[in-house]
């Protein structure tokens, strides 16, 4: 909470009751951010979730679909932002094949991150 933003976490090292407490805190808007490993990519439903942010692109395309599927549900707009390292660029091709449509990649955005000499793109997703 260094920046004044309360966050909760869900990961495999937490007990099930602790995971449920973290999820409830997020759903009840007591925490503004929920940080989760892939344990949260399936089976979690948060109404009107506006954003999903992927720090890494998963190497399994279906996992990516499940992650971003947490937002933009039931006709509500949602945004998925994904930070993609140069080594993860190959995973994008597999995702393209699975969904049969391109994922917009922002190469020149106002907050570029550097990994070596390569700008890390941000991938955006709109309405489902």
Protein backbone atom coordinates (compact mmCIF):
# COMPACT_ATOMS: atom_id res chain seq x y z
CA UNK A 1 0.00 0.00 0.00
CA UNK A 2 3.00 2.25 -0.56
CA UNK A 3 1.12 4.32 -3.17
CA UNK A 4 -2.06 4.37 -1.08
CA UNK A 5 -3.74 1.65 -3.14
CA UNK A 6 -4.88 -1.35 -1.14
CA UNK A 7 -4.22 -4.67 -2.83
CA UNK A 8 -5.02 -8.31 -2.11
CA UNK A 9 -3.27 -11.41 -3.43
CA UNK A 10 -4.27 -14.91 -4.49
CA UNK A 11 -1.59 -17.55 -5.08
CA UNK A 12 -0.88 -21.20 -4.46
CA UNK A 13 0.91 -20.65 -1.15
CA UNK A 14 -2.22 -19.16 0.44
CA UNK A 15 -4.82 -21.30 2.13
CA UNK A 16 -8.25 -21.52 0.52
CA UNK A 17 -9.84 -19.35 3.25
CA UNK A 18 -7.12 -16.71 2.73
CA UNK A 19 -7.75 -16.79 -1.03
CA UNK A 20 -11.48 -16.38 -0.47
CA UNK A 21 -10.86 -13.49 1.93
CA UNK A 22 -8.67 -11.76 -0.68
CA UNK A 23 -11.30 -12.27 -3.40
CA UNK A 24 -14.10 -11.02 -1.14
CA UNK A 25 -12.05 -7.97 -0.21
CA UNK A 26 -11.66 -7.19 -3.91
CA UNK A 27 -15.31 -7.89 -4.78
CA UNK A 28 -16.48 -5.71 -1.90
CA UNK A 29 -14.16 -2.91 -3.08
CA UNK A 30 -12.12 -2.96 0.13
CA UNK A 31 -9.09 -3.70 -2.08
CA UNK A 32 -8.76 -1.91 -5.41
CA UNK A 33 -6.25 -4.36 -6.89
CA UNK A 34 -6.20 -8.15 -6.91
CA UNK A 35 -2.83 -9.66 -7.75
CA UNK A 36 -3.20 -13.26 -8.82
CA UNK A 37 -1.24 -16.10 -10.32
CA UNK A 38 -2.85 -18.44 -12.87
CA UNK A 39 -4.77 -19.96 -9.98
CA UNK A 40 -7.20 -17.07 -10.58
CA UNK A 41 -7.47 -17.44 -14.35
CA UNK A 42 -10.45 -19.78 -14.16
CA UNK A 43 -13.58 -19.85 -12.11
CA UNK A 44 -13.42 -16.35 -10.65
CA UNK A 45 -16.26 -14.00 -11.49
CA UNK A 46 -16.14 -10.35 -10.50
CA UNK A 47 -19.01 -8.30 -11.87
CA UNK A 48 -18.06 -5.34 -14.04
CA UNK A 49 -14.33 -5.95 -13.77
CA UNK A 50 -12.92 -3.10 -15.85
CA UNK A 51 -9.30 -4.20 -16.31
CA UNK A 52 -7.09 -7.26 -16.36
CA UNK A 53 -3.35 -6.63 -16.52
CA UNK A 54 -0.99 -9.43 -17.52
CA UNK A 55 2.58 -8.94 -16.41
CA UNK A 56 3.65 -11.87 -18.60
CA UNK A 57 2.06 -13.56 -21.61
CA UNK A 58 1.36 -17.23 -20.82
CA UNK A 59 2.88 -19.83 -23.12
CA UNK A 60 -0.48 -21.63 -23.46
CA UNK A 61 -2.98 -19.63 -25.58
CA UNK A 62 -6.02 -20.98 -23.73
CA UNK A 63 -4.57 -19.65 -20.47
CA UNK A 64 -4.36 -16.19 -22.01
CA UNK A 65 -8.02 -16.40 -23.11
CA UNK A 66 -9.11 -17.44 -19.60
CA UNK A 67 -7.10 -14.64 -18.01
CA UNK A 68 -8.50 -11.87 -20.17
CA UNK A 69 -11.96 -13.41 -19.98
CA UNK A 70 -12.26 -12.09 -16.43
CA UNK A 71 -13.16 -8.68 -17.95
CA UNK A 72 -15.55 -7.56 -20.68
CA UNK A 73 -18.30 -9.98 -19.70
CA UNK A 74 -22.04 -9.86 -20.32
CA UNK A 75 -21.88 -6.97 -22.77
CA UNK A 76 -19.86 -4.74 -20.43
CA UNK A 77 -16.71 -3.11 -21.79
CA UNK A 78 -13.42 -4.34 -20.44
CA UNK A 79 -9.75 -3.79 -21.11
CA UNK A 80 -6.94 -6.30 -20.91
CA UNK A 81 -3.43 -4.91 -20.96
CA UNK A 82 -0.53 -7.28 -21.37
CA UNK A 83 3.12 -6.53 -21.02
CA UNK A 84 5.00 -8.67 -23.50
CA UNK A 85 8.72 -9.32 -23.37
CA UNK A 86 10.66 -10.07 -26.55
CA UNK A 87 10.92 -13.74 -25.60
CA UNK A 88 7.12 -13.91 -25.29
CA UNK A 89 6.46 -12.57 -28.80
CA UNK A 90 6.25 -16.16 -30.10
CA UNK A 91 3.31 -16.79 -27.76
CA UNK A 92 1.35 -14.04 -29.50
CA UNK A 93 1.41 -16.01 -32.75
CA UNK A 94 -0.22 -18.98 -30.99
CA UNK A 95 -2.87 -16.70 -29.50
CA UNK A 96 -3.56 -15.21 -32.96
CA UNK A 97 -4.08 -18.75 -34.31
CA UNK A 98 -6.46 -19.67 -31.51
CA UNK A 99 -8.72 -16.61 -31.68
CA UNK A 100 -8.41 -16.04 -35.44
CA UNK A 101 -8.06 -12.31 -35.09
CA UNK A 102 -5.16 -10.02 -34.35
CA UNK A 103 -4.47 -8.54 -30.94
CA UNK A 104 -3.62 -4.85 -31.27
CA UNK A 105 -0.02 -4.27 -30.22
CA UNK A 106 0.98 -0.80 -29.15
CA UNK A 107 4.64 -0.37 -30.02
CA UNK A 108 4.87 3.37 -29.51
CA UNK A 109 3.00 4.21 -26.33
CA UNK A 110 3.56 7.07 -23.87
CA UNK A 111 5.10 4.86 -21.17
CA UNK A 112 7.59 2.62 -22.96
CA UNK A 113 9.38 -0.03 -20.96
CA UNK A 114 12.79 -1.17 -22.01
CA UNK A 115 14.08 -4.72 -22.03
CA UNK A 116 17.51 -4.47 -23.51
CA UNK A 117 17.04 -2.29 -26.58
CA UNK A 118 13.50 -3.42 -27.34
CA UNK A 119 10.36 -1.54 -26.29
CA UNK A 120 7.92 -3.92 -24.63
CA UNK A 121 4.49 -3.61 -26.31
CA UNK A 122 1.20 -3.27 -24.51
CA UNK A 123 -1.61 -5.42 -25.87
CA UNK A 124 -5.14 -4.07 -25.52
CA UNK A 125 -8.43 -5.92 -25.64
CA UNK A 126 -11.85 -4.32 -25.95
CA UNK A 127 -15.35 -5.65 -25.67
CA UNK A 128 -15.85 -9.42 -25.88
